[in-house]
Amino acid sequence: MYAIIRDGSKQYRVEEGMVLDIDLRAEPAGATVEFNEVLMLGDATATRIGTPTIPSAKVLAEVRGEHKGKKVTILHWRRRKSSRTYAGHRQRYTRVAITKILGGTE
């Protein structure tokens, strides 16, 4: 079974046992996170699409910890001016493991 969830302004396709990085949260490692905005549920036989969400459906996940993304480098350069600005950025994420997909009945 899979689900499409919305967290913040992003949508994720998740399955049980999957590990993904979401926007940073202040949850400690080992805590349980609940995603209530389930947009779609599907398996091999049927698909349920919400309008816009499926009532009483939710996805449970366990927080694995904090994770840093890939480094992005920023270079501002002006030709013939001897002017350069160099910076870097690493986005921080919360890594979660999907433990259960609960499909509520309507």
Protein backbone atom coordinates (compact mmCIF):
# COMPACT_ATOMS: atom_id res chain seq x y z
CA MET A 1 0.00 0.00 0.00
CA TYR A 2 1.16 3.52 -0.73
CA ALA A 3 -0.05 7.00 0.16
CA ILE A 4 0.49 10.52 -1.06
CA ILE A 5 0.79 12.93 1.86
CA ARG A 6 1.20 16.68 2.16
CA ASP A 7 3.65 18.11 4.67
CA GLY A 8 4.01 21.86 4.60
CA SER A 9 4.03 22.86 0.95
CA LYS A 10 5.44 19.56 -0.35
CA GLN A 11 3.84 16.27 -1.35
CA TYR A 12 5.48 12.87 -0.86
CA ARG A 13 4.64 9.38 -2.13
CA VAL A 14 5.33 7.04 0.78
CA GLU A 15 5.22 3.32 1.52
CA GLU A 16 5.71 1.42 4.76
CA GLY A 17 9.39 1.01 5.62
CA MET A 18 10.43 3.98 3.48
CA VAL A 19 12.87 6.57 4.87
CA LEU A 20 12.55 10.19 3.73
CA ASP A 21 13.73 13.67 4.63
CA ILE A 22 11.11 16.27 5.54
CA ASP A 23 11.44 19.91 6.60
CA LEU A 24 13.15 20.37 9.97
CA ARG A 25 11.00 19.75 13.05
CA ALA A 26 11.81 20.08 16.73
CA GLU A 27 11.01 16.41 17.44
CA PRO A 28 13.59 14.25 19.25
CA ALA A 29 14.87 11.01 17.73
CA GLY A 30 12.50 8.13 18.44
CA ALA A 31 9.37 10.30 18.58
CA THR A 32 6.31 9.49 16.47
CA VAL A 33 5.09 11.93 13.83
CA GLU A 34 1.56 11.76 12.43
CA PHE A 35 0.69 13.02 8.94
CA ASN A 36 -3.05 13.72 8.76
CA GLU A 37 -3.19 15.26 5.29
CA VAL A 38 -3.46 12.11 3.16
CA LEU A 39 -4.33 13.07 -0.41
CA MET A 40 -4.44 9.57 -1.93
CA LEU A 41 -4.30 5.92 -0.90
CA GLY A 42 -3.58 3.09 -3.28
CA ASP A 43 -2.67 -0.56 -3.52
CA ALA A 44 -2.67 -3.25 -6.20
CA THR A 45 -6.46 -3.43 -6.45
CA ALA A 46 -7.93 0.00 -5.66
CA THR A 47 -7.11 3.68 -5.41
CA ARG A 48 -8.88 6.26 -3.22
CA ILE A 49 -8.49 9.93 -3.99
CA GLY A 50 -9.40 12.55 -1.40
CA THR A 51 -11.38 15.73 -1.96
CA PRO A 52 -8.91 17.28 -1.02
CA THR A 53 -7.97 14.81 1.76
CA ILE A 54 -9.23 11.42 2.91
CA PRO A 55 -10.99 11.77 6.27
CA SER A 56 -9.61 9.69 9.16
CA ALA A 57 -6.68 8.41 7.07
CA LYS A 58 -3.22 9.03 8.46
CA VAL A 59 0.38 8.00 8.12
CA LEU A 60 2.57 7.31 11.15
CA ALA A 61 6.35 7.79 11.07
CA GLU A 62 9.22 7.47 13.52
CA VAL A 63 11.82 10.24 13.72
CA ARG A 64 15.32 8.95 13.02
CA GLY A 65 17.13 12.23 13.67
CA GLU A 66 18.42 15.32 11.96
CA HIS A 67 20.14 15.21 8.58
CA LYS A 68 21.94 17.78 6.44
CA GLY A 69 21.33 17.97 2.71
CA LYS A 70 23.83 18.38 -0.08
CA LYS A 71 25.90 21.56 -0.03
CA VAL A 72 24.80 24.28 -2.43
CA THR A 73 27.42 26.83 -3.45
CA ILE A 74 26.55 30.40 -4.38
CA LEU A 75 28.96 32.53 -6.39
CA HIS A 76 28.23 36.14 -7.35
CA TRP A 77 30.85 37.38 -9.79
CA ARG A 78 31.13 40.67 -11.65
CA ARG A 79 33.47 40.75 -14.60
CA ARG A 80 36.31 43.27 -14.67
CA LYS A 81 35.38 44.62 -11.21
CA SER A 82 37.51 42.44 -8.89
CA SER A 83 34.27 41.67 -7.06
CA ARG A 84 33.41 38.17 -5.94
CA THR A 85 31.11 36.84 -3.26
CA TYR A 86 31.22 33.16 -2.37
CA ALA A 87 28.83 31.44 0.03
CA GLY A 88 27.57 27.97 0.80
CA HIS A 89 24.41 26.53 2.28
CA ARG A 90 23.34 23.14 3.66
CA GLN A 91 19.65 22.67 4.35
CA ARG A 92 18.73 20.83 7.55
CA TYR A 93 16.09 18.10 7.40
CA THR A 94 14.39 15.69 9.77
CA ARG A 95 14.79 12.07 8.67
CA VAL A 96 11.72 9.92 9.29
CA ALA A 97 10.87 6.26 8.67
CA ILE A 98 7.28 5.44 7.66
CA THR A 99 5.96 2.81 10.06
CA LYS A 100 2.24 2.51 9.30
CA ILE A 101 -0.33 3.70 6.76
CA LEU A 102 -3.82 3.76 8.22
CA GLY A 103 -6.60 4.03 5.63
CA GLY A 104 -9.71 5.31 7.33
CA THR A 105 -13.10 4.17 6.11
CA GLU A 106 -15.46 6.87 4.94
